[in-house]
N, C-alpha and C. Protein backbone atom coordinates (compact mmCIF):
# COMPACT_ATOMS: atom_id res chain seq x y z
N MET A 1 74.25 112.56 94.64
CA MET A 1 75.47 112.37 93.87
C MET A 1 75.93 110.93 94.04
N ASN A 2 76.24 110.28 92.93
CA ASN A 2 76.70 108.89 92.92
C ASN A 2 78.23 108.87 92.88
N LYS A 3 78.86 108.42 93.99
CA LYS A 3 80.32 108.43 94.09
C LYS A 3 80.91 107.05 93.79
N ILE A 4 82.01 107.08 93.05
CA ILE A 4 82.74 105.88 92.63
C ILE A 4 84.14 105.96 93.23
N ILE A 5 84.71 104.80 93.58
CA ILE A 5 86.10 104.76 94.03
C ILE A 5 86.81 103.62 93.33
N THR A 6 88.07 103.83 93.01
CA THR A 6 88.92 102.78 92.48
C THR A 6 90.30 102.92 93.11
N TYR A 7 91.08 101.86 93.01
CA TYR A 7 92.40 101.80 93.65
C TYR A 7 93.44 101.31 92.66
N GLY A 8 94.69 101.73 92.87
CA GLY A 8 95.80 101.22 92.07
C GLY A 8 97.06 102.02 92.30
N THR A 9 98.12 101.57 91.66
CA THR A 9 99.39 102.28 91.71
C THR A 9 99.41 103.37 90.64
N PHE A 10 98.87 103.08 89.47
CA PHE A 10 98.79 104.03 88.35
C PHE A 10 100.16 104.60 88.00
N ASP A 11 101.13 103.71 87.85
CA ASP A 11 102.48 104.07 87.43
C ASP A 11 102.56 103.85 85.92
N LEU A 12 103.37 104.61 85.23
CA LEU A 12 103.52 104.51 83.77
C LEU A 12 102.14 104.47 83.11
N LEU A 13 101.42 105.55 83.30
CA LEU A 13 100.04 105.66 82.82
C LEU A 13 99.91 105.26 81.36
N HIS A 14 98.90 104.45 81.05
CA HIS A 14 98.70 103.96 79.68
C HIS A 14 97.21 103.88 79.36
N THR A 15 96.88 103.45 78.16
CA THR A 15 95.49 103.43 77.70
C THR A 15 94.61 102.54 78.57
N GLY A 16 95.15 101.48 79.14
CA GLY A 16 94.37 100.63 80.04
C GLY A 16 93.91 101.40 81.26
N HIS A 17 94.81 102.22 81.81
CA HIS A 17 94.44 103.06 82.96
C HIS A 17 93.34 104.05 82.57
N ILE A 18 93.53 104.71 81.44
CA ILE A 18 92.56 105.71 80.98
C ILE A 18 91.20 105.05 80.75
N ASN A 19 91.19 103.87 80.12
CA ASN A 19 89.93 103.16 79.90
C ASN A 19 89.24 102.83 81.22
N LEU A 20 89.99 102.37 82.21
CA LEU A 20 89.42 102.07 83.52
C LEU A 20 88.83 103.32 84.16
N LEU A 21 89.58 104.41 84.14
CA LEU A 21 89.11 105.66 84.75
C LEU A 21 87.88 106.19 84.03
N ARG A 22 87.87 106.14 82.71
CA ARG A 22 86.72 106.62 81.93
C ARG A 22 85.48 105.78 82.24
N ARG A 23 85.63 104.46 82.20
CA ARG A 23 84.49 103.58 82.44
C ARG A 23 84.00 103.69 83.89
N ALA A 24 84.92 103.86 84.83
CA ALA A 24 84.53 104.04 86.23
C ALA A 24 83.72 105.32 86.38
N ARG A 25 84.20 106.39 85.79
CA ARG A 25 83.51 107.70 85.90
C ARG A 25 82.13 107.66 85.26
N GLU A 26 81.98 106.86 84.20
CA GLU A 26 80.68 106.73 83.54
C GLU A 26 79.63 106.08 84.46
N LEU A 27 80.08 105.42 85.50
CA LEU A 27 79.16 104.76 86.44
C LEU A 27 78.61 105.71 87.50
N GLY A 28 79.13 106.94 87.55
CA GLY A 28 78.66 107.87 88.58
C GLY A 28 78.97 109.31 88.25
N ASP A 29 78.83 110.14 89.28
CA ASP A 29 79.00 111.59 89.13
C ASP A 29 80.34 112.09 89.64
N TYR A 30 81.03 111.28 90.44
CA TYR A 30 82.24 111.74 91.12
C TYR A 30 83.16 110.55 91.29
N LEU A 31 84.40 110.66 90.77
CA LEU A 31 85.36 109.55 90.84
C LEU A 31 86.51 109.88 91.77
N ILE A 32 86.67 109.01 92.77
CA ILE A 32 87.80 109.09 93.70
C ILE A 32 88.78 108.00 93.31
N VAL A 33 90.04 108.36 93.17
CA VAL A 33 91.08 107.39 92.86
C VAL A 33 92.04 107.33 94.05
N ALA A 34 92.14 106.14 94.64
CA ALA A 34 93.08 105.93 95.74
C ALA A 34 94.33 105.30 95.15
N ILE A 35 95.47 106.00 95.30
CA ILE A 35 96.71 105.47 94.74
C ILE A 35 97.65 105.04 95.87
N SER A 36 98.32 103.93 95.61
CA SER A 36 99.24 103.37 96.59
C SER A 36 100.37 104.35 96.89
N THR A 37 100.63 104.56 98.17
CA THR A 37 101.76 105.39 98.55
C THR A 37 103.06 104.64 98.25
N ASP A 38 104.15 105.35 98.25
CA ASP A 38 105.45 104.71 98.02
C ASP A 38 105.74 103.68 99.10
N GLU A 39 105.36 103.99 100.33
CA GLU A 39 105.58 103.08 101.45
C GLU A 39 104.74 101.80 101.29
N PHE A 40 103.50 101.95 100.85
CA PHE A 40 102.65 100.78 100.64
C PHE A 40 103.17 99.94 99.49
N ASN A 41 103.64 100.58 98.42
CA ASN A 41 104.24 99.83 97.31
C ASN A 41 105.44 99.02 97.80
N ALA A 42 106.24 99.58 98.69
CA ALA A 42 107.40 98.86 99.23
C ALA A 42 106.95 97.61 99.99
N ILE A 43 105.87 97.73 100.76
CA ILE A 43 105.33 96.59 101.49
C ILE A 43 104.88 95.51 100.50
N LYS A 44 104.27 95.95 99.38
CA LYS A 44 103.79 95.01 98.35
C LYS A 44 104.94 94.49 97.48
N GLU A 45 106.16 94.99 97.73
CA GLU A 45 107.34 94.67 96.91
C GLU A 45 107.10 95.06 95.46
N LYS A 46 106.51 96.24 95.29
CA LYS A 46 106.20 96.79 93.97
C LYS A 46 106.97 98.09 93.81
N LYS A 47 107.71 98.22 92.75
CA LYS A 47 108.53 99.42 92.50
C LYS A 47 107.86 100.27 91.44
N ALA A 48 107.49 101.49 91.80
CA ALA A 48 106.92 102.44 90.85
C ALA A 48 108.03 103.35 90.33
N TYR A 49 107.93 103.71 89.07
CA TYR A 49 108.90 104.64 88.48
C TYR A 49 108.69 106.04 89.04
N TYR A 50 107.42 106.46 89.10
CA TYR A 50 107.09 107.80 89.60
C TYR A 50 106.76 107.74 91.10
N THR A 51 107.08 108.80 91.80
CA THR A 51 106.75 108.89 93.22
C THR A 51 105.25 109.05 93.39
N PHE A 52 104.79 108.89 94.62
CA PHE A 52 103.38 109.10 94.94
C PHE A 52 102.93 110.49 94.49
N GLU A 53 103.69 111.51 94.85
CA GLU A 53 103.30 112.89 94.52
C GLU A 53 103.24 113.11 93.01
N GLN A 54 104.16 112.51 92.25
CA GLN A 54 104.13 112.64 90.79
C GLN A 54 102.91 111.92 90.20
N ARG A 55 102.63 110.72 90.69
CA ARG A 55 101.46 109.97 90.20
C ARG A 55 100.17 110.69 90.56
N LYS A 56 100.12 111.29 91.74
CA LYS A 56 98.95 112.05 92.17
C LYS A 56 98.71 113.24 91.24
N LEU A 57 99.78 113.97 90.94
CA LEU A 57 99.69 115.13 90.05
C LEU A 57 99.17 114.73 88.66
N ILE A 58 99.69 113.62 88.14
CA ILE A 58 99.27 113.13 86.83
C ILE A 58 97.78 112.78 86.85
N LEU A 59 97.35 112.04 87.87
CA LEU A 59 95.95 111.63 87.94
C LEU A 59 95.02 112.81 88.13
N GLU A 60 95.43 113.81 88.90
CA GLU A 60 94.59 114.99 89.10
C GLU A 60 94.38 115.77 87.81
N ALA A 61 95.24 115.58 86.83
CA ALA A 61 95.11 116.29 85.56
C ALA A 61 94.16 115.57 84.58
N ILE A 62 93.71 114.39 84.92
CA ILE A 62 92.83 113.62 84.05
C ILE A 62 91.39 114.03 84.29
N ARG A 63 90.68 114.33 83.23
CA ARG A 63 89.32 114.88 83.35
C ARG A 63 88.32 113.95 84.01
N TYR A 64 88.56 112.66 84.01
CA TYR A 64 87.62 111.72 84.63
C TYR A 64 87.75 111.67 86.15
N VAL A 65 88.86 112.15 86.67
CA VAL A 65 89.19 112.04 88.09
C VAL A 65 88.79 113.31 88.83
N ASP A 66 88.01 113.14 89.90
CA ASP A 66 87.58 114.28 90.69
C ASP A 66 88.41 114.47 91.95
N GLU A 67 88.96 113.37 92.49
CA GLU A 67 89.72 113.46 93.74
C GLU A 67 90.71 112.30 93.80
N VAL A 68 91.90 112.57 94.33
CA VAL A 68 92.91 111.53 94.51
C VAL A 68 93.27 111.47 95.99
N ILE A 69 93.23 110.25 96.54
CA ILE A 69 93.56 110.04 97.95
C ILE A 69 94.65 108.97 98.05
N PRO A 70 95.39 108.95 99.15
CA PRO A 70 96.43 107.93 99.31
C PRO A 70 95.86 106.59 99.78
N GLU A 71 96.45 105.52 99.27
CA GLU A 71 96.17 104.17 99.78
C GLU A 71 97.38 103.76 100.61
N HIS A 72 97.17 103.61 101.91
CA HIS A 72 98.26 103.29 102.83
C HIS A 72 98.38 101.80 103.11
N ASN A 73 97.25 101.06 102.98
CA ASN A 73 97.26 99.63 103.29
C ASN A 73 96.06 98.94 102.66
N TRP A 74 96.09 97.61 102.67
CA TRP A 74 95.02 96.81 102.07
C TRP A 74 93.69 97.00 102.80
N ASP A 75 93.74 97.27 104.09
CA ASP A 75 92.54 97.22 104.93
C ASP A 75 91.74 98.52 105.00
N GLN A 76 92.13 99.55 104.30
CA GLN A 76 91.44 100.84 104.45
C GLN A 76 90.21 100.97 103.57
N LYS A 77 89.93 100.01 102.73
CA LYS A 77 88.85 100.17 101.75
C LYS A 77 87.48 100.40 102.39
N ILE A 78 87.14 99.63 103.41
CA ILE A 78 85.85 99.82 104.06
C ILE A 78 85.76 101.23 104.66
N THR A 79 86.81 101.64 105.33
CA THR A 79 86.85 102.98 105.92
C THR A 79 86.71 104.06 104.85
N ASP A 80 87.42 103.89 103.73
CA ASP A 80 87.33 104.87 102.63
C ASP A 80 85.91 104.95 102.08
N VAL A 81 85.29 103.80 101.85
CA VAL A 81 83.93 103.76 101.32
C VAL A 81 82.98 104.51 102.26
N GLN A 82 83.11 104.26 103.56
CA GLN A 82 82.23 104.92 104.53
C GLN A 82 82.54 106.41 104.66
N LYS A 83 83.82 106.74 104.78
CA LYS A 83 84.24 108.14 104.98
C LYS A 83 83.84 109.03 103.80
N HIS A 84 83.97 108.49 102.58
CA HIS A 84 83.70 109.29 101.38
C HIS A 84 82.30 109.07 100.82
N ASP A 85 81.46 108.33 101.55
CA ASP A 85 80.08 108.06 101.15
C ASP A 85 80.02 107.51 99.72
N VAL A 86 80.81 106.46 99.47
CA VAL A 86 80.96 105.86 98.14
C VAL A 86 79.79 104.92 97.85
N ASP A 87 79.29 105.00 96.62
CA ASP A 87 78.20 104.14 96.17
C ASP A 87 78.72 102.89 95.45
N THR A 88 79.83 103.05 94.71
CA THR A 88 80.34 101.94 93.89
C THR A 88 81.86 101.86 93.96
N PHE A 89 82.35 100.66 94.19
CA PHE A 89 83.78 100.34 94.17
C PHE A 89 84.06 99.68 92.83
N VAL A 90 85.06 100.19 92.10
CA VAL A 90 85.40 99.68 90.77
C VAL A 90 86.86 99.25 90.75
N ILE A 91 87.11 98.11 90.11
CA ILE A 91 88.48 97.60 89.99
C ILE A 91 88.53 96.71 88.75
N GLY A 92 89.71 96.47 88.23
CA GLY A 92 89.87 95.60 87.07
C GLY A 92 89.46 94.17 87.37
N ASP A 93 88.99 93.46 86.34
CA ASP A 93 88.48 92.11 86.55
C ASP A 93 89.57 91.07 86.84
N ASP A 94 90.83 91.49 86.80
CA ASP A 94 91.90 90.58 87.25
C ASP A 94 91.82 90.38 88.77
N TRP A 95 91.03 91.20 89.46
CA TRP A 95 90.81 91.09 90.90
C TRP A 95 89.45 90.45 91.22
N LYS A 96 88.80 89.90 90.21
CA LYS A 96 87.43 89.38 90.37
C LYS A 96 87.31 88.49 91.61
N GLY A 97 86.32 88.81 92.44
CA GLY A 97 86.03 88.05 93.64
C GLY A 97 86.78 88.50 94.88
N LYS A 98 87.89 89.19 94.72
CA LYS A 98 88.75 89.56 95.85
C LYS A 98 88.14 90.65 96.74
N PHE A 99 87.23 91.43 96.18
CA PHE A 99 86.66 92.54 96.95
C PHE A 99 85.15 92.41 97.12
N ASP A 100 84.63 91.20 96.98
CA ASP A 100 83.20 90.98 97.14
C ASP A 100 82.70 91.35 98.54
N PHE A 101 83.60 91.31 99.54
CA PHE A 101 83.21 91.68 100.91
C PHE A 101 82.71 93.12 100.99
N LEU A 102 83.10 93.95 100.02
CA LEU A 102 82.66 95.35 100.02
C LEU A 102 81.19 95.50 99.62
N ASN A 103 80.59 94.42 99.09
CA ASN A 103 79.17 94.47 98.74
C ASN A 103 78.30 94.77 99.95
N ASP A 104 78.82 94.56 101.16
CA ASP A 104 78.07 94.92 102.37
C ASP A 104 78.02 96.43 102.58
N TYR A 105 78.85 97.18 101.84
CA TYR A 105 78.98 98.63 102.03
C TYR A 105 78.64 99.45 100.79
N CYS A 106 78.78 98.85 99.61
CA CYS A 106 78.55 99.55 98.35
C CYS A 106 78.44 98.51 97.23
N ASN A 107 78.14 98.97 96.03
CA ASN A 107 78.18 98.08 94.86
C ASN A 107 79.62 97.81 94.49
N VAL A 108 79.91 96.61 94.02
CA VAL A 108 81.26 96.26 93.56
C VAL A 108 81.17 95.90 92.08
N VAL A 109 82.01 96.57 91.27
CA VAL A 109 82.02 96.33 89.83
C VAL A 109 83.44 95.98 89.40
N TYR A 110 83.57 94.86 88.70
CA TYR A 110 84.86 94.44 88.14
C TYR A 110 84.80 94.72 86.63
N LEU A 111 85.63 95.66 86.18
CA LEU A 111 85.65 96.04 84.77
C LEU A 111 86.69 95.23 84.00
N PRO A 112 86.38 94.84 82.76
CA PRO A 112 87.34 94.10 81.95
C PRO A 112 88.60 94.93 81.69
N ARG A 113 89.74 94.24 81.72
CA ARG A 113 91.01 94.90 81.42
C ARG A 113 91.10 95.21 79.93
N THR A 114 91.88 96.22 79.59
CA THR A 114 92.16 96.53 78.19
C THR A 114 93.16 95.50 77.68
N ILE A 115 92.81 94.82 76.62
CA ILE A 115 93.64 93.75 76.07
C ILE A 115 94.94 94.32 75.49
N GLY A 116 96.05 93.65 75.77
CA GLY A 116 97.32 93.96 75.12
C GLY A 116 98.17 95.02 75.79
N ILE A 117 97.72 95.55 76.94
CA ILE A 117 98.51 96.59 77.59
C ILE A 117 98.49 96.39 79.10
N SER A 118 99.64 96.59 79.72
CA SER A 118 99.75 96.59 81.17
C SER A 118 101.07 97.25 81.53
N THR A 119 101.18 97.72 82.75
CA THR A 119 102.43 98.32 83.19
C THR A 119 103.54 97.28 83.17
N THR A 120 103.23 96.07 83.54
CA THR A 120 104.23 94.99 83.50
C THR A 120 104.74 94.78 82.09
N LYS A 121 103.83 94.78 81.11
CA LYS A 121 104.24 94.61 79.70
C LYS A 121 105.12 95.77 79.25
N ILE A 122 104.76 96.98 79.62
CA ILE A 122 105.56 98.15 79.24
C ILE A 122 106.96 98.02 79.81
N LYS A 123 107.07 97.68 81.09
CA LYS A 123 108.39 97.54 81.72
C LYS A 123 109.19 96.45 81.03
N LYS A 124 108.55 95.36 80.71
CA LYS A 124 109.21 94.25 80.02
C LYS A 124 109.68 94.68 78.63
N ASP A 125 108.80 95.35 77.88
CA ASP A 125 109.14 95.81 76.53
C ASP A 125 110.28 96.82 76.55
N LEU A 126 110.32 97.69 77.55
CA LEU A 126 111.37 98.70 77.62
C LEU A 126 112.74 98.11 77.95
N ASN A 127 112.76 96.90 78.48
CA ASN A 127 114.02 96.22 78.74
C ASN A 127 114.59 95.56 77.50
N MET A 128 113.85 95.62 76.39
CA MET A 128 114.30 95.01 75.14
C MET A 128 114.62 96.12 74.12
N VAL A 129 115.78 96.06 73.52
CA VAL A 129 116.14 96.99 72.43
C VAL A 129 116.71 96.14 71.32
N GLY A 130 116.06 96.21 70.15
CA GLY A 130 116.56 95.41 69.02
C GLY A 130 116.62 93.92 69.32
N GLY A 131 115.70 93.46 70.16
CA GLY A 131 115.67 92.05 70.50
C GLY A 131 116.65 91.64 71.57
N GLU A 132 117.45 92.60 72.05
CA GLU A 132 118.44 92.28 73.08
C GLU A 132 118.06 92.95 74.39
N ARG A 133 118.33 92.26 75.46
CA ARG A 133 118.07 92.79 76.78
C ARG A 133 119.13 93.82 77.15
N LEU A 134 118.68 94.91 77.74
CA LEU A 134 119.62 95.95 78.19
C LEU A 134 120.37 95.50 79.42
């Protein structure tokens, strides 16, 4: 069995997330998604709209996802790859080069981002109504 792992917050799920999950799953037989816990997001100074448990529930309902695990810190990736017997680590190409160290443990694939969509863009767009800031 060829196992894939990817990481992210996966807040305000959108087509870019779905494209990443679909393309990641196409690379193997089993997709593990590690999502940032609320505590880890706080350390990163990142505010998610949905709680960890809500984001986990949403991701578990997606057909491409086989398992969801918590991401507690930046340094757990090597341990996760070894513990879950992962063959391929997948992440968006906006992180290109940042996880090359994982090549010592598994294949590393940087997938192109979906053009025109991001959680940051959604949050920014939602702050605008009729051209005026809320």
